[in-house]
Amino acid sequence: MERLIRAAGRCALAFLLVLGIVALLPRSVRDVVPNAVIGGAVLLLVGVSGGRRMTRRSR
């Protein structure tokens, strides 16, 4: 259960991080960037952080 809560926390942190970065972009750039790109960036961040943790534990 603890691993599930940690994973959910990492997902939330990645989501907020990407939203913060998007908020810093100029409005013209934000209008051009599709929502799917933002969602893909969140999934990529979570996947990379999860992959790094898995490789560290297996050693």
PDB file of N, CA and C in Angstrom:
ATOM      1  N   MET A   1       0.818  -1.194   0.000  1.00  0.00           N
ATOM      2  CA  MET A   1       0.000   0.000   0.000  1.00  0.00           C
ATOM      3  C   MET A   1       0.867   1.265   0.000  1.00  0.00           C
ATOM      4  N   GLU A   2       1.990   1.169   0.721  1.00  0.00           N
ATOM      5  CA  GLU A   2       2.876   2.318   0.790  1.00  0.00           C
ATOM      6  C   GLU A   2       3.464   2.643  -0.585  1.00  0.00           C
ATOM      7  N   ARG A   3       3.778   1.609  -1.358  1.00  0.00           N
ATOM      8  CA  ARG A   3       4.329   1.834  -2.705  1.00  0.00           C
ATOM      9  C   ARG A   3       3.309   2.514  -3.599  1.00  0.00           C
ATOM     10  N   LEU A   4       2.038   2.155  -3.435  1.00  0.00           N
ATOM     11  CA  LEU A   4       0.973   2.765  -4.231  1.00  0.00           C
ATOM     12  C   LEU A   4       0.837   4.253  -3.902  1.00  0.00           C
ATOM     13  N   ILE A   5       0.915   4.577  -2.620  1.00  0.00           N
ATOM     14  CA  ILE A   5       0.806   5.978  -2.210  1.00  0.00           C
ATOM     15  C   ILE A   5       2.005   6.777  -2.719  1.00  0.00           C
ATOM     16  N   ARG A   6       3.186   6.191  -2.651  1.00  0.00           N
ATOM     17  CA  ARG A   6       4.375   6.879  -3.176  1.00  0.00           C
ATOM     18  C   ARG A   6       4.268   7.096  -4.677  1.00  0.00           C
ATOM     19  N   ALA A   7       3.778   6.092  -5.400  1.00  0.00           N
ATOM     20  CA  ALA A   7       3.622   6.228  -6.855  1.00  0.00           C
ATOM     21  C   ALA A   7       2.612   7.324  -7.185  1.00  0.00           C
ATOM     22  N   ALA A   8       1.528   7.377  -6.438  1.00  0.00           N
ATOM     23  CA  ALA A   8       0.525   8.424  -6.664  1.00  0.00           C
ATOM     24  C   ALA A   8       1.110   9.796  -6.360  1.00  0.00           C
ATOM     25  N   GLY A   9       1.935   9.874  -5.334  1.00  0.00           N
ATOM     26  CA  GLY A   9       2.596  11.141  -5.009  1.00  0.00           C
ATOM     27  C   GLY A   9       3.543  11.589  -6.102  1.00  0.00           C
ATOM     28  N   ARG A  10       4.288  10.635  -6.677  1.00  0.00           N
ATOM     29  CA  ARG A  10       5.194  10.978  -7.782  1.00  0.00           C
ATOM     30  C   ARG A  10       4.417  11.449  -9.001  1.00  0.00           C
ATOM     31  N   CYS A  11       3.296  10.811  -9.276  1.00  0.00           N
ATOM     32  CA  CYS A  11       2.462  11.232 -10.413  1.00  0.00           C
ATOM     33  C   CYS A  11       1.949  12.655 -10.200  1.00  0.00           C
ATOM     34  N   ALA A  12       1.482  12.935  -8.993  1.00  0.00           N
ATOM     35  CA  ALA A  12       0.975  14.274  -8.694  1.00  0.00           C
ATOM     36  C   ALA A  12       2.087  15.312  -8.789  1.00  0.00           C
ATOM     37  N   LEU A  13       3.265  14.974  -8.293  1.00  0.00           N
ATOM     38  CA  LEU A  13       4.391  15.899  -8.361  1.00  0.00           C
ATOM     39  C   LEU A  13       4.803  16.180  -9.804  1.00  0.00           C
ATOM     40  N   ALA A  14       4.848  15.137 -10.627  1.00  0.00           N
ATOM     41  CA  ALA A  14       5.199  15.328 -12.037  1.00  0.00           C
ATOM     42  C   ALA A  14       4.158  16.186 -12.743  1.00  0.00           C
ATOM     43  N   PHE A  15       2.899  15.953 -12.440  1.00  0.00           N
ATOM     44  CA  PHE A  15       1.819  16.731 -13.047  1.00  0.00           C
ATOM     45  C   PHE A  15       1.945  18.207 -12.680  1.00  0.00           C
ATOM     46  N   LEU A  16       2.165  18.476 -11.401  1.00  0.00           N
ATOM     47  CA  LEU A  16       2.288  19.862 -10.967  1.00  0.00           C
ATOM     48  C   LEU A  16       3.541  20.525 -11.535  1.00  0.00           C
ATOM     49  N   LEU A  17       4.601  19.758 -11.664  1.00  0.00           N
ATOM     50  CA  LEU A  17       5.830  20.289 -12.246  1.00  0.00           C
ATOM     51  C   LEU A  17       5.608  20.706 -13.699  1.00  0.00           C
ATOM     52  N   VAL A  18       4.967  19.861 -14.468  1.00  0.00           N
ATOM     53  CA  VAL A  18       4.700  20.185 -15.876  1.00  0.00           C
ATOM     54  C   VAL A  18       3.742  21.363 -15.973  1.00  0.00           C
ATOM     55  N   LEU A  19       2.723  21.419 -15.117  1.00  0.00           N
ATOM     56  CA  LEU A  19       1.802  22.559 -15.148  1.00  0.00           C
ATOM     57  C   LEU A  19       2.523  23.863 -14.814  1.00  0.00           C
ATOM     58  N   GLY A  20       3.456  23.808 -13.874  1.00  0.00           N
ATOM     59  CA  GLY A  20       4.225  25.000 -13.538  1.00  0.00           C
ATOM     60  C   GLY A  20       5.082  25.466 -14.691  1.00  0.00           C
ATOM     61  N   ILE A  21       5.696  24.518 -15.380  1.00  0.00           N
ATOM     62  CA  ILE A  21       6.529  24.868 -16.538  1.00  0.00           C
ATOM     63  C   ILE A  21       5.670  25.461 -17.648  1.00  0.00           C
ATOM     64  N   VAL A  22       4.509  24.870 -17.882  1.00  0.00           N
ATOM     65  CA  VAL A  22       3.617  25.383 -18.926  1.00  0.00           C
ATOM     66  C   VAL A  22       3.120  26.777 -18.551  1.00  0.00           C
ATOM     67  N   ALA A  23       2.872  27.020 -17.270  1.00  0.00           N
ATOM     68  CA  ALA A  23       2.399  28.335 -16.834  1.00  0.00           C
ATOM     69  C   ALA A  23       3.451  29.417 -17.066  1.00  0.00           C
ATOM     70  N   LEU A  24       4.727  29.037 -17.043  1.00  0.00           N
ATOM     71  CA  LEU A  24       5.793  30.017 -17.267  1.00  0.00           C
ATOM     72  C   LEU A  24       5.983  30.360 -18.741  1.00  0.00           C
ATOM     73  N   LEU A  25       5.444  29.542 -19.625  1.00  0.00           N
ATOM     74  CA  LEU A  25       5.582  29.804 -21.065  1.00  0.00           C
ATOM     75  C   LEU A  25       4.737  31.001 -21.476  1.00  0.00           C
ATOM     76  N   PRO A  26       5.151  31.711 -22.521  1.00  0.00           N
ATOM     77  CA  PRO A  26       4.315  32.806 -23.034  1.00  0.00           C
ATOM     78  C   PRO A  26       2.961  32.279 -23.529  1.00  0.00           C
ATOM     79  N   ARG A  27       1.963  33.129 -23.487  1.00  0.00           N
ATOM     80  CA  ARG A  27       0.601  32.718 -23.843  1.00  0.00           C
ATOM     81  C   ARG A  27       0.520  32.189 -25.278  1.00  0.00           C
ATOM     82  N   SER A  28       1.268  32.767 -26.200  1.00  0.00           N
ATOM     83  CA  SER A  28       1.208  32.308 -27.591  1.00  0.00           C
ATOM     84  C   SER A  28       1.726  30.875 -27.721  1.00  0.00           C
ATOM     85  N   VAL A  29       2.734  30.539 -26.936  1.00  0.00           N
ATOM     86  CA  VAL A  29       3.265  29.170 -26.968  1.00  0.00           C
ATOM     87  C   VAL A  29       2.278  28.207 -26.308  1.00  0.00           C
ATOM     88  N   ARG A  30       1.659  28.623 -25.196  1.00  0.00           N
ATOM     89  CA  ARG A  30       0.689  27.771 -24.512  1.00  0.00           C
ATOM     90  C   ARG A  30      -0.501  27.433 -25.404  1.00  0.00           C
ATOM     91  N   ASP A  31      -0.919  28.397 -26.210  1.00  0.00           N
ATOM     92  CA  ASP A  31      -2.061  28.153 -27.084  1.00  0.00           C
ATOM     93  C   ASP A  31      -1.720  27.148 -28.178  1.00  0.00           C
ATOM     94  N   VAL A  32      -0.467  27.094 -28.592  1.00  0.00           N
ATOM     95  CA  VAL A  32      -0.050  26.206 -29.673  1.00  0.00           C
ATOM     96  C   VAL A  32       0.162  24.775 -29.176  1.00  0.00           C
ATOM     97  N   VAL A  33       0.615  24.621 -27.921  1.00  0.00           N
ATOM     98  CA  VAL A  33       0.934  23.293 -27.386  1.00  0.00           C
ATOM     99  C   VAL A  33      -0.364  22.532 -27.100  1.00  0.00           C
ATOM    100  N   PRO A  34      -0.554  21.357 -27.741  1.00  0.00           N
ATOM    101  CA  PRO A  34      -1.765  20.576 -27.484  1.00  0.00           C
ATOM    102  C   PRO A  34      -1.748  19.945 -26.087  1.00  0.00           C
ATOM    103  N   ASN A  35      -2.927  19.655 -25.571  1.00  0.00           N
ATOM    104  CA  ASN A  35      -3.044  19.036 -24.247  1.00  0.00           C
ATOM    105  C   ASN A  35      -2.400  17.660 -24.212  1.00  0.00           C
ATOM    106  N   ALA A  36      -2.400  16.961 -25.325  1.00  0.00           N
ATOM    107  CA  ALA A  36      -1.798  15.627 -25.369  1.00  0.00           C
ATOM    108  C   ALA A  36      -0.291  15.693 -25.122  1.00  0.00           C
ATOM    109  N   VAL A  37       0.337  16.764 -25.540  1.00  0.00           N
ATOM    110  CA  VAL A  37       1.774  16.924 -25.301  1.00  0.00           C
ATOM    111  C   VAL A  37       2.035  17.095 -23.806  1.00  0.00           C
ATOM    112  N   ILE A  38       1.195  17.846 -23.138  1.00  0.00           N
ATOM    113  CA  ILE A  38       1.338  18.037 -21.699  1.00  0.00           C
ATOM    114  C   ILE A  38       1.148  16.711 -20.971  1.00  0.00           C
ATOM    115  N   GLY A  39       0.136  15.966 -21.339  1.00  0.00           N
ATOM    116  CA  GLY A  39      -0.084  14.654 -20.736  1.00  0.00           C
ATOM    117  C   GLY A  39       1.056  13.696 -21.017  1.00  0.00           C
ATOM    118  N   GLY A  40       1.583  13.741 -22.219  1.00  0.00           N
ATOM    119  CA  GLY A  40       2.717  12.893 -22.566  1.00  0.00           C
ATOM    120  C   GLY A  40       3.962  13.248 -21.766  1.00  0.00           C
ATOM    121  N   ALA A  41       4.156  14.528 -21.507  1.00  0.00           N
ATOM    122  CA  ALA A  41       5.306  14.952 -20.700  1.00  0.00           C
ATOM    123  C   ALA A  41       5.190  14.434 -19.276  1.00  0.00           C
ATOM    124  N   VAL A  42       3.986  14.444 -18.724  1.00  0.00           N
ATOM    125  CA  VAL A  42       3.770  13.905 -17.377  1.00  0.00           C
ATOM    126  C   VAL A  42       4.068  12.412 -17.355  1.00  0.00           C
ATOM    127  N   LEU A  43       3.557  11.682 -18.333  1.00  0.00           N
ATOM    128  CA  LEU A  43       3.807  10.240 -18.385  1.00  0.00           C
ATOM    129  C   LEU A  43       5.289   9.944 -18.555  1.00  0.00           C
ATOM    130  N   LEU A  44       5.963  10.741 -19.348  1.00  0.00           N
ATOM    131  CA  LEU A  44       7.395  10.552 -19.554  1.00  0.00           C
ATOM    132  C   LEU A  44       8.182  10.779 -18.261  1.00  0.00           C
ATOM    133  N   LEU A  45       7.846  11.838 -17.540  1.00  0.00           N
ATOM    134  CA  LEU A  45       8.529  12.105 -16.268  1.00  0.00           C
ATOM    135  C   LEU A  45       8.309  10.979 -15.263  1.00  0.00           C
ATOM    136  N   VAL A  46       7.078  10.510 -15.161  1.00  0.00           N
ATOM    137  CA  VAL A  46       6.776   9.424 -14.222  1.00  0.00           C
ATOM    138  C   VAL A  46       7.475   8.144 -14.662  1.00  0.00           C
ATOM    139  N   GLY A  47       7.478   7.863 -15.948  1.00  0.00           N
ATOM    140  CA  GLY A  47       8.136   6.661 -16.448  1.00  0.00           C
ATOM    141  C   GLY A  47       9.633   6.679 -16.224  1.00  0.00           C
ATOM    142  N   VAL A  48      10.254   7.821 -16.440  1.00  0.00           N
ATOM    143  CA  VAL A  48      11.697   7.926 -16.230  1.00  0.00           C
ATOM    144  C   VAL A  48      12.034   7.769 -14.753  1.00  0.00           C
ATOM    145  N   SER A  49      11.265   8.422 -13.900  1.00  0.00           N
ATOM    146  CA  SER A  49      11.563   8.305 -12.466  1.00  0.00           C
ATOM    147  C   SER A  49      11.300   6.885 -11.977  1.00  0.00           C
ATOM    148  N   GLY A  50      10.277   6.236 -12.471  1.00  0.00           N
ATOM    149  CA  GLY A  50      10.008   4.852 -12.092  1.00  0.00           C
ATOM    150  C   GLY A  50      11.054   3.904 -12.630  1.00  0.00           C
ATOM    151  N   GLY A  51      11.508   4.137 -13.841  1.00  0.00           N
ATOM    152  CA  GLY A  51      12.544   3.296 -14.435  1.00  0.00           C
ATOM    153  C   GLY A  51      13.862   3.415 -13.708  1.00  0.00           C
ATOM    154  N   ARG A  52      14.197   4.610 -13.290  1.00  0.00           N
ATOM    155  CA  ARG A  52      15.439   4.803 -12.545  1.00  0.00           C
ATOM    156  C   ARG A  52      15.374   4.101 -11.201  1.00  0.00           C
ATOM    157  N   ARG A  53      14.223   4.132 -10.564  1.00  0.00           N
ATOM    158  CA  ARG A  53      14.080   3.468  -9.263  1.00  0.00           C
ATOM    159  C   ARG A  53      14.148   1.953  -9.410  1.00  0.00           C
ATOM    160  N   MET A  54      13.591   1.437 -10.487  1.00  0.00           N
ATOM    161  CA  MET A  54      13.604  -0.006 -10.690  1.00  0.00           C
ATOM    162  C   MET A  54      15.022  -0.499 -10.953  1.00  0.00           C
ATOM    163  N   THR A  55      15.809   0.242 -11.707  1.00  0.00           N
ATOM    164  CA  THR A  55      17.171  -0.196 -11.990  1.00  0.00           C
ATOM    165  C   THR A  55      18.049  -0.076 -10.762  1.00  0.00           C
ATOM    166  N   ARG A  56      17.791   0.861  -9.907  1.00  0.00           N
ATOM    167  CA  ARG A  56      18.583   0.994  -8.676  1.00  0.00           C
ATOM    168  C   ARG A  56      18.309  -0.161  -7.717  1.00  0.00           C
ATOM    169  N   ARG A  57      17.066  -0.599  -7.619  1.00  0.00           N
ATOM    170  CA  ARG A  57      16.705  -1.651  -6.676  1.00  0.00           C
ATOM    171  C   ARG A  57      17.194  -3.024  -7.118  1.00  0.00           C
ATOM    172  N   SER A  58      17.314  -3.233  -8.418  1.00  0.00           N
ATOM    173  CA  SER A  58      17.667  -4.558  -8.910  1.00  0.00           C
ATOM    174  C   SER A  58      19.143  -4.871  -8.734  1.00  0.00           C
ATOM    175  N   ARG A  59      19.957  -3.905  -8.437  1.00  0.00           N
ATOM    176  CA  ARG A  59      21.400  -4.154  -8.283  1.00  0.00           C
ATOM    177  C   ARG A  59      21.666  -4.838  -7.030  1.00  0.00           C
TER     178      ARG A  59
END
